Amino acid sequence: MNDSVPEGALPEAVTAAEPGPPAGAAPQPAYDPAAPAPLNVPRVPSGDVGVDQRLDRLADADDLATDGHVEVYEDVHRGLRDALTALDVRPGVPAPAGQPTAGPR
């Protein structure tokens, strides 16, 4: 038995195979449902630059595995908490001398 293939002829299994990507084309990555993927949740600007920067940081979690999300979420939470705390310590308009300050209504 002769196992050689005549020049220019391909075995049937090779000719019947599915065509591959065109020569020079980049290989397409296989779909992996467990791979990190962006949630594409739209974010509406709050009008506060610091808050908006913290909320934009949430997009950093899009490319991380689930166990990496905690660090991003904690950082964003800490920043938003600090922004809220800063609202309580901002000095308001001072009341005129001898006038009581306005309290909660």
PDB file of N, CA and C in Angstrom:
ATOM      1  N   MET A   1       0.838  -1.176   0.000  1.00  0.00           N
ATOM      2  CA  MET A   1       0.000   0.000   0.000  1.00  0.00           C
ATOM      3  C   MET A   1       0.877   1.231   0.000  1.00  0.00           C
ATOM      4  N   ASN A   2       0.514   2.192  -0.784  1.00  0.00           N
ATOM      5  CA  ASN A   2       1.266   3.421  -0.915  1.00  0.00           C
ATOM      6  C   ASN A   2       0.513   4.536  -0.199  1.00  0.00           C
ATOM      7  N   ASP A   3       1.144   5.149   0.847  1.00  0.00           N
ATOM      8  CA  ASP A   3       0.503   6.209   1.624  1.00  0.00           C
ATOM      9  C   ASP A   3       0.768   7.592   1.055  1.00  0.00           C
ATOM     10  N   SER A   4       1.478   7.673  -0.014  1.00  0.00           N
ATOM     11  CA  SER A   4       1.781   8.996  -0.556  1.00  0.00           C
ATOM     12  C   SER A   4       0.566   9.542  -1.292  1.00  0.00           C
ATOM     13  N   VAL A   5       0.478  10.852  -1.294  1.00  0.00           N
ATOM     14  CA  VAL A   5      -0.628  11.537  -1.967  1.00  0.00           C
ATOM     15  C   VAL A   5      -0.030  12.230  -3.181  1.00  0.00           C
ATOM     16  N   PRO A   6      -0.660  12.058  -4.301  1.00  0.00           N
ATOM     17  CA  PRO A   6      -0.120  12.735  -5.484  1.00  0.00           C
ATOM     18  C   PRO A   6      -0.109  14.246  -5.273  1.00  0.00           C
ATOM     19  N   GLU A   7       0.891  14.895  -5.869  1.00  0.00           N
ATOM     20  CA  GLU A   7       1.023  16.338  -5.716  1.00  0.00           C
ATOM     21  C   GLU A   7      -0.237  17.030  -6.214  1.00  0.00           C
ATOM     22  N   GLY A   8      -0.752  17.995  -5.431  1.00  0.00           N
ATOM     23  CA  GLY A   8      -1.955  18.733  -5.814  1.00  0.00           C
ATOM     24  C   GLY A   8      -3.230  18.075  -5.346  1.00  0.00           C
ATOM     25  N   ALA A   9      -3.175  16.836  -4.884  1.00  0.00           N
ATOM     26  CA  ALA A   9      -4.386  16.168  -4.411  1.00  0.00           C
ATOM     27  C   ALA A   9      -4.399  16.173  -2.887  1.00  0.00           C
ATOM     28  N   LEU A  10      -5.562  16.393  -2.317  1.00  0.00           N
ATOM     29  CA  LEU A  10      -5.711  16.383  -0.865  1.00  0.00           C
ATOM     30  C   LEU A  10      -6.611  15.225  -0.476  1.00  0.00           C
ATOM     31  N   PRO A  11      -6.367  14.653   0.674  1.00  0.00           N
ATOM     32  CA  PRO A  11      -7.262  13.602   1.140  1.00  0.00           C
ATOM     33  C   PRO A  11      -8.679  14.147   1.286  1.00  0.00           C
ATOM     34  N   GLU A  12      -9.670  13.292   1.139  1.00  0.00           N
ATOM     35  CA  GLU A  12     -11.074  13.689   1.198  1.00  0.00           C
ATOM     36  C   GLU A  12     -11.413  14.409   2.506  1.00  0.00           C
ATOM     37  N   ALA A  13     -10.855  13.985   3.630  1.00  0.00           N
ATOM     38  CA  ALA A  13     -11.160  14.600   4.923  1.00  0.00           C
ATOM     39  C   ALA A  13     -10.737  16.059   4.948  1.00  0.00           C
ATOM     40  N   VAL A  14      -9.675  16.395   4.251  1.00  0.00           N
ATOM     41  CA  VAL A  14      -9.202  17.779   4.235  1.00  0.00           C
ATOM     42  C   VAL A  14     -10.081  18.618   3.321  1.00  0.00           C
ATOM     43  N   THR A  15     -10.467  18.106   2.191  1.00  0.00           N
ATOM     44  CA  THR A  15     -11.271  18.891   1.258  1.00  0.00           C
ATOM     45  C   THR A  15     -12.694  19.061   1.764  1.00  0.00           C
ATOM     46  N   ALA A  16     -13.195  18.157   2.575  1.00  0.00           N
ATOM     47  CA  ALA A  16     -14.561  18.247   3.077  1.00  0.00           C
ATOM     48  C   ALA A  16     -14.653  19.058   4.362  1.00  0.00           C
ATOM     49  N   ALA A  17     -13.532  19.495   4.890  1.00  0.00           N
ATOM     50  CA  ALA A  17     -13.543  20.238   6.155  1.00  0.00           C
ATOM     51  C   ALA A  17     -14.191  21.599   5.974  1.00  0.00           C
ATOM     52  N   GLU A  18     -14.686  22.145   7.066  1.00  0.00           N
ATOM     53  CA  GLU A  18     -15.273  23.486   7.068  1.00  0.00           C
ATOM     54  C   GLU A  18     -14.201  24.486   6.656  1.00  0.00           C
ATOM     55  N   PRO A  19     -14.555  25.463   5.866  1.00  0.00           N
ATOM     56  CA  PRO A  19     -13.555  26.461   5.506  1.00  0.00           C
ATOM     57  C   PRO A  19     -13.196  27.301   6.734  1.00  0.00           C
ATOM     58  N   GLY A  20     -11.950  27.633   6.875  1.00  0.00           N
ATOM     59  CA  GLY A  20     -11.486  28.438   7.995  1.00  0.00           C
ATOM     60  C   GLY A  20     -11.589  29.910   7.659  1.00  0.00           C
ATOM     61  N   PRO A  21     -11.088  30.747   8.545  1.00  0.00           N
ATOM     62  CA  PRO A  21     -11.110  32.180   8.266  1.00  0.00           C
ATOM     63  C   PRO A  21     -10.198  32.489   7.089  1.00  0.00           C
ATOM     64  N   PRO A  22     -10.465  33.552   6.370  1.00  0.00           N
ATOM     65  CA  PRO A  22      -9.608  33.910   5.235  1.00  0.00           C
ATOM     66  C   PRO A  22      -8.165  34.102   5.698  1.00  0.00           C
ATOM     67  N   ALA A  23      -7.256  33.870   4.798  1.00  0.00           N
ATOM     68  CA  ALA A  23      -5.842  34.026   5.133  1.00  0.00           C
ATOM     69  C   ALA A  23      -5.578  35.449   5.613  1.00  0.00           C
ATOM     70  N   GLY A  24      -4.874  35.582   6.726  1.00  0.00           N
ATOM     71  CA  GLY A  24      -4.538  36.890   7.271  1.00  0.00           C
ATOM     72  C   GLY A  24      -5.603  37.478   8.176  1.00  0.00           C
ATOM     73  N   ALA A  25      -6.763  36.846   8.283  1.00  0.00           N
ATOM     74  CA  ALA A  25      -7.829  37.369   9.144  1.00  0.00           C
ATOM     75  C   ALA A  25      -7.506  37.055  10.596  1.00  0.00           C
ATOM     76  N   ALA A  26      -7.882  37.975  11.482  1.00  0.00           N
ATOM     77  CA  ALA A  26      -7.659  37.755  12.907  1.00  0.00           C
ATOM     78  C   ALA A  26      -8.600  36.666  13.393  1.00  0.00           C
ATOM     79  N   PRO A  27      -8.122  35.773  14.231  1.00  0.00           N
ATOM     80  CA  PRO A  27      -9.008  34.720  14.740  1.00  0.00           C
ATOM     81  C   PRO A  27     -10.080  35.326  15.637  1.00  0.00           C
ATOM     82  N   GLN A  28     -11.277  34.801  15.519  1.00  0.00           N
ATOM     83  CA  GLN A  28     -12.393  35.274  16.331  1.00  0.00           C
ATOM     84  C   GLN A  28     -12.362  34.567  17.683  1.00  0.00           C
ATOM     85  N   PRO A  29     -12.437  35.329  18.782  1.00  0.00           N
ATOM     86  CA  PRO A  29     -12.439  34.676  20.092  1.00  0.00           C
ATOM     87  C   PRO A  29     -13.726  33.885  20.283  1.00  0.00           C
ATOM     88  N   ALA A  30     -13.605  32.779  20.946  1.00  0.00           N
ATOM     89  CA  ALA A  30     -14.776  31.960  21.227  1.00  0.00           C
ATOM     90  C   ALA A  30     -15.621  32.649  22.289  1.00  0.00           C
ATOM     91  N   TYR A  31     -16.922  32.528  22.190  1.00  0.00           N
ATOM     92  CA  TYR A  31     -17.822  33.122  23.173  1.00  0.00           C
ATOM     93  C   TYR A  31     -17.700  32.360  24.486  1.00  0.00           C
ATOM     94  N   ASP A  32     -17.468  33.075  25.539  1.00  0.00           N
ATOM     95  CA  ASP A  32     -17.360  32.474  26.873  1.00  0.00           C
ATOM     96  C   ASP A  32     -18.332  33.201  27.790  1.00  0.00           C
ATOM     97  N   PRO A  33     -19.476  32.567  28.110  1.00  0.00           N
ATOM     98  CA  PRO A  33     -20.471  33.255  28.936  1.00  0.00           C
ATOM     99  C   PRO A  33     -19.966  33.583  30.337  1.00  0.00           C
ATOM    100  N   ALA A  34     -18.903  32.941  30.781  1.00  0.00           N
ATOM    101  CA  ALA A  34     -18.365  33.214  32.122  1.00  0.00           C
ATOM    102  C   ALA A  34     -17.322  34.328  32.107  1.00  0.00           C
ATOM    103  N   ALA A  35     -16.972  34.811  30.925  1.00  0.00           N
ATOM    104  CA  ALA A  35     -15.955  35.863  30.826  1.00  0.00           C
ATOM    105  C   ALA A  35     -16.535  37.198  31.280  1.00  0.00           C
ATOM    106  N   PRO A  36     -15.679  38.081  31.816  1.00  0.00           N
ATOM    107  CA  PRO A  36     -16.168  39.400  32.206  1.00  0.00           C
ATOM    108  C   PRO A  36     -16.761  40.136  31.003  1.00  0.00           C
ATOM    109  N   ALA A  37     -17.843  40.844  31.243  1.00  0.00           N
ATOM    110  CA  ALA A  37     -18.490  41.599  30.172  1.00  0.00           C
ATOM    111  C   ALA A  37     -19.140  42.836  30.773  1.00  0.00           C
ATOM    112  N   PRO A  38     -19.120  43.942  30.063  1.00  0.00           N
ATOM    113  CA  PRO A  38     -19.749  45.159  30.580  1.00  0.00           C
ATOM    114  C   PRO A  38     -21.256  44.978  30.700  1.00  0.00           C
ATOM    115  N   LEU A  39     -21.833  45.603  31.722  1.00  0.00           N
ATOM    116  CA  LEU A  39     -23.276  45.529  31.919  1.00  0.00           C
ATOM    117  C   LEU A  39     -24.018  46.520  31.030  1.00  0.00           C
ATOM    118  N   ASN A  40     -23.296  47.537  30.552  1.00  0.00           N
ATOM    119  CA  ASN A  40     -23.883  48.567  29.698  1.00  0.00           C
ATOM    120  C   ASN A  40     -25.072  49.254  30.345  1.00  0.00           C
ATOM    121  N   VAL A  41     -24.972  49.514  31.639  1.00  0.00           N
ATOM    122  CA  VAL A  41     -26.005  50.251  32.350  1.00  0.00           C
ATOM    123  C   VAL A  41     -25.719  51.737  32.150  1.00  0.00           C
ATOM    124  N   PRO A  42     -26.665  52.473  31.580  1.00  0.00           N
ATOM    125  CA  PRO A  42     -26.399  53.891  31.348  1.00  0.00           C
ATOM    126  C   PRO A  42     -26.310  54.645  32.677  1.00  0.00           C
ATOM    127  N   ARG A  43     -25.374  55.584  32.736  1.00  0.00           N
ATOM    128  CA  ARG A  43     -25.224  56.412  33.933  1.00  0.00           C
ATOM    129  C   ARG A  43     -25.549  57.846  33.559  1.00  0.00           C
ATOM    130  N   VAL A  44     -26.457  58.437  34.313  1.00  0.00           N
ATOM    131  CA  VAL A  44     -26.852  59.825  34.090  1.00  0.00           C
ATOM    132  C   VAL A  44     -25.971  60.702  34.963  1.00  0.00           C
ATOM    133  N   PRO A  45     -25.339  61.722  34.393  1.00  0.00           N
ATOM    134  CA  PRO A  45     -24.480  62.593  35.200  1.00  0.00           C
ATOM    135  C   PRO A  45     -25.270  63.233  36.338  1.00  0.00           C
ATOM    136  N   SER A  46     -24.620  63.319  37.500  1.00  0.00           N
ATOM    137  CA  SER A  46     -25.272  63.888  38.684  1.00  0.00           C
ATOM    138  C   SER A  46     -25.124  65.402  38.737  1.00  0.00           C
ATOM    139  N   GLY A  47     -24.136  65.924  38.021  1.00  0.00           N
ATOM    140  CA  GLY A  47     -23.878  67.350  38.080  1.00  0.00           C
ATOM    141  C   GLY A  47     -22.746  67.679  39.032  1.00  0.00           C
ATOM    142  N   ASP A  48     -22.327  66.730  39.839  1.00  0.00           N
ATOM    143  CA  ASP A  48     -21.197  66.908  40.750  1.00  0.00           C
ATOM    144  C   ASP A  48     -20.020  66.146  40.165  1.00  0.00           C
ATOM    145  N   VAL A  49     -18.946  66.860  39.857  1.00  0.00           N
ATOM    146  CA  VAL A  49     -17.802  66.242  39.176  1.00  0.00           C
ATOM    147  C   VAL A  49     -17.222  65.083  39.982  1.00  0.00           C
ATOM    148  N   GLY A  50     -17.068  65.259  41.297  1.00  0.00           N
ATOM    149  CA  GLY A  50     -16.495  64.197  42.134  1.00  0.00           C
ATOM    150  C   GLY A  50     -17.359  62.951  42.158  1.00  0.00           C
ATOM    151  N   VAL A  51     -18.671  63.141  42.268  1.00  0.00           N
ATOM    152  CA  VAL A  51     -19.595  61.996  42.281  1.00  0.00           C
ATOM    153  C   VAL A  51     -19.575  61.304  40.924  1.00  0.00           C
ATOM    154  N   ASP A  52     -19.594  62.085  39.860  1.00  0.00           N
ATOM    155  CA  ASP A  52     -19.585  61.494  38.514  1.00  0.00           C
ATOM    156  C   ASP A  52     -18.309  60.694  38.263  1.00  0.00           C
ATOM    157  N   GLN A  53     -17.172  61.183  38.761  1.00  0.00           N
ATOM    158  CA  GLN A  53     -15.922  60.432  38.594  1.00  0.00           C
ATOM    159  C   GLN A  53     -15.993  59.105  39.344  1.00  0.00           C
ATOM    160  N   ARG A  54     -16.572  59.118  40.534  1.00  0.00           N
ATOM    161  CA  ARG A  54     -16.708  57.860  41.289  1.00  0.00           C
ATOM    162  C   ARG A  54     -17.627  56.892  40.568  1.00  0.00           C
ATOM    163  N   LEU A  55     -18.741  57.380  40.059  1.00  0.00           N
ATOM    164  CA  LEU A  55     -19.670  56.501  39.345  1.00  0.00           C
ATOM    165  C   LEU A  55     -19.044  55.968  38.060  1.00  0.00           C
ATOM    166  N   ASP A  56     -18.236  56.784  37.393  1.00  0.00           N
ATOM    167  CA  ASP A  56     -17.545  56.305  36.190  1.00  0.00           C
ATOM    168  C   ASP A  56     -16.555  55.198  36.528  1.00  0.00           C
ATOM    169  N   ARG A  57     -16.035  55.211  37.733  1.00  0.00           N
ATOM    170  CA  ARG A  57     -15.091  54.170  38.178  1.00  0.00           C
ATOM    171  C   ARG A  57     -15.745  52.795  38.190  1.00  0.00           C
ATOM    172  N   LEU A  58     -17.062  52.747  38.304  1.00  0.00           N
ATOM    173  CA  LEU A  58     -17.753  51.452  38.282  1.00  0.00           C
ATOM    174  C   LEU A  58     -17.466  50.694  36.982  1.00  0.00           C
ATOM    175  N   ALA A  59     -17.189  51.409  35.911  1.00  0.00           N
ATOM    176  CA  ALA A  59     -16.887  50.758  34.630  1.00  0.00           C
ATOM    177  C   ALA A  59     -15.602  49.944  34.711  1.00  0.00           C
ATOM    178  N   ASP A  60     -14.735  50.233  35.697  1.00  0.00           N
ATOM    179  CA  ASP A  60     -13.503  49.453  35.855  1.00  0.00           C
ATOM    180  C   ASP A  60     -13.804  47.994  36.179  1.00  0.00           C
ATOM    181  N   ALA A  61     -14.962  47.729  36.751  1.00  0.00           N
ATOM    182  CA  ALA A  61     -15.322  46.356  37.103  1.00  0.00           C
ATOM    183  C   ALA A  61     -15.732  45.541  35.872  1.00  0.00           C
ATOM    184  N   ASP A  62     -16.018  46.212  34.760  1.00  0.00           N
ATOM    185  CA  ASP A  62     -16.482  45.507  33.560  1.00  0.00           C
ATOM    186  C   ASP A  62     -15.492  44.477  33.044  1.00  0.00           C
ATOM    187  N   ASP A  63     -14.211  44.739  33.214  1.00  0.00           N
ATOM    188  CA  ASP A  63     -13.193  43.837  32.672  1.00  0.00           C
ATOM    189  C   ASP A  63     -12.604  42.908  33.717  1.00  0.00           C
ATOM    190  N   LEU A  64     -13.185  42.906  34.908  1.00  0.00           N
ATOM    191  CA  LEU A  64     -12.658  42.072  35.990  1.00  0.00           C
ATOM    192  C   LEU A  64     -13.546  40.863  36.217  1.00  0.00           C
ATOM    193  N   ALA A  65     -12.936  39.807  36.709  1.00  0.00           N
ATOM    194  CA  ALA A  65     -13.726  38.660  37.152  1.00  0.00           C
ATOM    195  C   ALA A  65     -14.511  39.091  38.395  1.00  0.00           C
ATOM    196  N   THR A  66     -15.529  38.354  38.729  1.00  0.00           N
ATOM    197  CA  THR A  66     -16.415  38.728  39.825  1.00  0.00           C
ATOM    198  C   THR A  66     -15.669  38.986  41.118  1.00  0.00           C
ATOM    199  N   ASP A  67     -14.642  38.199  41.422  1.00  0.00           N
ATOM    200  CA  ASP A  67     -13.931  38.400  42.686  1.00  0.00           C
ATOM    201  C   ASP A  67     -13.148  39.715  42.708  1.00  0.00           C
ATOM    202  N   GLY A  68     -12.969  40.359  41.581  1.00  0.00           N
ATOM    203  CA  GLY A  68     -12.298  41.648  41.530  1.00  0.00           C
ATOM    204  C   GLY A  68     -13.252  42.829  41.682  1.00  0.00           C
ATOM    205  N   HIS A  69     -14.554  42.571  41.637  1.00  0.00           N
ATOM    206  CA  HIS A  69     -15.544  43.646  41.736  1.00  0.00           C
ATOM    207  C   HIS A  69     -15.551  44.283  43.123  1.00  0.00           C
ATOM    208  N   VAL A  70     -15.306  43.502  44.158  1.00  0.00           N
ATOM    209  CA  VAL A  70     -15.416  43.999  45.527  1.00  0.00           C
ATOM    210  C   VAL A  70     -14.526  45.217  45.745  1.00  0.00           C
ATOM    211  N   GLU A  71     -13.298  45.149  45.290  1.00  0.00           N
ATOM    212  CA  GLU A  71     -12.364  46.261  45.489  1.00  0.00           C
ATOM    213  C   GLU A  71     -12.891  47.533  44.823  1.00  0.00           C
ATOM    214  N   VAL A  72     -13.412  47.410  43.601  1.00  0.00           N
ATOM    215  CA  VAL A  72     -13.935  48.579  42.889  1.00  0.00           C
ATOM    216  C   VAL A  72     -15.162  49.119  43.623  1.00  0.00           C
ATOM    217  N   TYR A  73     -16.094  48.240  43.998  1.00  0.00           N
ATOM    218  CA  TYR A  73     -17.316  48.689  44.674  1.00  0.00           C
ATOM    219  C   TYR A  73     -17.006  49.365  46.002  1.00  0.00           C
ATOM    220  N   GLU A  74     -16.066  48.800  46.745  1.00  0.00           N
ATOM    221  CA  GLU A  74     -15.711  49.402  48.031  1.00  0.00           C
ATOM    222  C   GLU A  74     -15.066  50.773  47.837  1.00  0.00           C
ATOM    223  N   ASP A  75     -14.241  50.906  46.812  1.00  0.00           N
ATOM    224  CA  ASP A  75     -13.606  52.193  46.536  1.00  0.00           C
ATOM    225  C   ASP A  75     -14.663  53.238  46.164  1.00  0.00           C
ATOM    226  N   VAL A  76     -15.601  52.863  45.307  1.00  0.00           N
ATOM    227  CA  VAL A  76     -16.667  53.789  44.899  1.00  0.00           C
ATOM    228  C   VAL A  76     -17.529  54.143  46.102  1.00  0.00           C
ATOM    229  N   HIS A  77     -17.886  53.159  46.900  1.00  0.00           N
ATOM    230  CA  HIS A  77     -18.718  53.408  48.086  1.00  0.00           C
ATOM    231  C   HIS A  77     -18.011  54.371  49.037  1.00  0.00           C
ATOM    232  N   ARG A  78     -16.735  54.149  49.259  1.00  0.00           N
ATOM    233  CA  ARG A  78     -15.956  55.013  50.150  1.00  0.00           C
ATOM    234  C   ARG A  78     -15.954  56.454  49.616  1.00  0.00           C
ATOM    235  N   GLY A  79     -15.749  56.621  48.317  1.00  0.00           N
ATOM    236  CA  GLY A  79     -15.726  57.952  47.720  1.00  0.00           C
ATOM    237  C   GLY A  79     -17.068  58.653  47.800  1.00  0.00           C
ATOM    238  N   LEU A  80     -18.155  57.906  47.550  1.00  0.00           N
ATOM    239  CA  LEU A  80     -19.485  58.511  47.640  1.00  0.00           C
ATOM    240  C   LEU A  80     -19.825  58.865  49.090  1.00  0.00           C
ATOM    241  N   ARG A  81     -19.441  58.014  50.018  1.00  0.00           N
ATOM    242  CA  ARG A  81     -19.672  58.300  51.440  1.00  0.00           C
ATOM    243  C   ARG A  81     -18.908  59.554  51.849  1.00  0.00           C
ATOM    244  N   ASP A  82     -17.668  59.684  51.396  1.00  0.00           N
ATOM    245  CA  ASP A  82     -16.871  60.879  51.702  1.00  0.00           C
ATOM    246  C   ASP A  82     -17.523  62.133  51.110  1.00  0.00           C
ATOM    247  N   ALA A  83     -18.076  62.024  49.903  1.00  0.00           N
ATOM    248  CA  ALA A  83     -18.742  63.174  49.281  1.00  0.00           C
ATOM    249  C   ALA A  83     -19.970  63.592  50.087  1.00  0.00           C
ATOM    250  N   LEU A  84     -20.721  62.618  50.585  1.00  0.00           N
ATOM    251  CA  LEU A  84     -21.884  62.944  51.421  1.00  0.00           C
ATOM    252  C   LEU A  84     -21.464  63.549  52.750  1.00  0.00           C
ATOM    253  N   THR A  85     -20.419  63.015  53.332  1.00  0.00           N
ATOM    254  CA  THR A  85     -19.919  63.548  54.608  1.00  0.00           C
ATOM    255  C   THR A  85     -19.450  64.985  54.428  1.00  0.00           C
ATOM    256  N   ALA A  86     -18.836  65.274  53.293  1.00  0.00           N
ATOM    257  CA  ALA A  86     -18.346  66.630  53.028  1.00  0.00           C
ATOM    258  C   ALA A  86     -19.493  67.634  52.962  1.00  0.00           C
ATOM    259  N   LEU A  87     -20.667  67.187  52.576  1.00  0.00           N
ATOM    260  CA  LEU A  87     -21.812  68.094  52.546  1.00  0.00           C
ATOM    261  C   LEU A  87     -22.171  68.588  53.948  1.00  0.00           C
ATOM    262  N   ASP A  88     -21.948  67.757  54.954  1.00  0.00           N
ATOM    263  CA  ASP A  88     -22.274  68.128  56.329  1.00  0.00           C
ATOM    264  C   ASP A  88     -21.266  69.086  56.935  1.00  0.00           C
ATOM    265  N   VAL A  89     -20.062  69.131  56.425  1.00  0.00           N
ATOM    266  CA  VAL A  89     -19.034  69.968  57.034  1.00  0.00           C
ATOM    267  C   VAL A  89     -18.770  71.251  56.252  1.00  0.00           C
ATOM    268  N   ARG A  90     -19.440  71.423  55.128  1.00  0.00           N
ATOM    269  CA  ARG A  90     -19.254  72.656  54.377  1.00  0.00           C
ATOM    270  C   ARG A  90     -19.831  73.819  55.179  1.00  0.00           C
ATOM    271  N   PRO A  91     -19.091  74.883  55.265  1.00  0.00           N
ATOM    272  CA  PRO A  91     -19.638  76.032  55.983  1.00  0.00           C
ATOM    273  C   PRO A  91     -20.758  76.672  55.178  1.00  0.00           C
ATOM    274  N   GLY A  92     -21.800  77.016  55.848  1.00  0.00           N
ATOM    275  CA  GLY A  92     -22.911  77.686  55.193  1.00  0.00           C
ATOM    276  C   GLY A  92     -22.695  79.185  55.248  1.00  0.00           C
ATOM    277  N   VAL A  93     -23.682  79.908  54.807  1.00  0.00           N
ATOM    278  CA  VAL A  93     -23.621  81.365  54.880  1.00  0.00           C
ATOM    279  C   VAL A  93     -23.773  81.752  56.344  1.00  0.00           C
ATOM    280  N   PRO A  94     -22.829  82.509  56.885  1.00  0.00           N
ATOM    281  CA  PRO A  94     -22.937  82.869  58.295  1.00  0.00           C
ATOM    282  C   PRO A  94     -24.129  83.778  58.527  1.00  0.00           C
ATOM    283  N   ALA A  95     -24.789  83.541  59.659  1.00  0.00           N
ATOM    284  CA  ALA A  95     -25.942  84.388  60.035  1.00  0.00           C
ATOM    285  C   ALA A  95     -25.411  85.731  60.524  1.00  0.00           C
ATOM    286  N   PRO A  96     -26.178  86.781  60.316  1.00  0.00           N
ATOM    287  CA  PRO A  96     -25.758  88.083  60.833  1.00  0.00           C
ATOM    288  C   PRO A  96     -25.595  88.023  62.360  1.00  0.00           C
ATOM    289  N   ALA A  97     -24.727  88.816  62.867  1.00  0.00           N
ATOM    290  CA  ALA A  97     -24.461  88.824  64.322  1.00  0.00           C
ATOM    291  C   ALA A  97     -25.752  89.059  65.077  1.00  0.00           C
ATOM    292  N   GLY A  98     -25.981  88.268  66.093  1.00  0.00           N
ATOM    293  CA  GLY A  98     -27.169  88.428  66.933  1.00  0.00           C
ATOM    294  C   GLY A  98     -28.388  87.722  66.398  1.00  0.00           C
ATOM    295  N   GLN A  99     -28.332  87.151  65.218  1.00  0.00           N
ATOM    296  CA  GLN A  99     -29.477  86.453  64.639  1.00  0.00           C
ATOM    297  C   GLN A  99     -29.289  84.963  64.838  1.00  0.00           C
ATOM    298  N   PRO A 100     -30.339  84.253  65.222  1.00  0.00           N
ATOM    299  CA  PRO A 100     -30.211  82.785  65.337  1.00  0.00           C
ATOM    300  C   PRO A 100     -30.074  82.158  63.952  1.00  0.00           C
ATOM    301  N   THR A 101     -29.370  81.060  63.936  1.00  0.00           N
ATOM    302  CA  THR A 101     -29.230  80.340  62.677  1.00  0.00           C
ATOM    303  C   THR A 101     -30.492  79.549  62.398  1.00  0.00           C
ATOM    304  N   ALA A 102     -30.781  79.350  61.143  1.00  0.00           N
ATOM    305  CA  ALA A 102     -31.976  78.588  60.765  1.00  0.00           C
ATOM    306  C   ALA A 102     -31.740  77.122  61.060  1.00  0.00           C
ATOM    307  N   GLY A 103     -32.659  76.510  61.730  1.00  0.00           N
ATOM    308  CA  GLY A 103     -32.561  75.092  62.053  1.00  0.00           C
ATOM    309  C   GLY A 103     -33.410  74.291  61.100  1.00  0.00           C
ATOM    310  N   PRO A 104     -33.501  73.005  61.340  1.00  0.00           N
ATOM    311  CA  PRO A 104     -34.334  72.155  60.469  1.00  0.00           C
ATOM    312  C   PRO A 104     -35.790  72.525  60.599  1.00  0.00           C
ATOM    313  N   ARG A 105     -36.496  72.413  59.532  1.00  0.00           N
ATOM    314  CA  ARG A 105     -37.937  72.757  59.542  1.00  0.00           C
ATOM    315  C   ARG A 105     -38.764  71.531  59.566  1.00  0.00           C
TER     316      ARG A 105
END
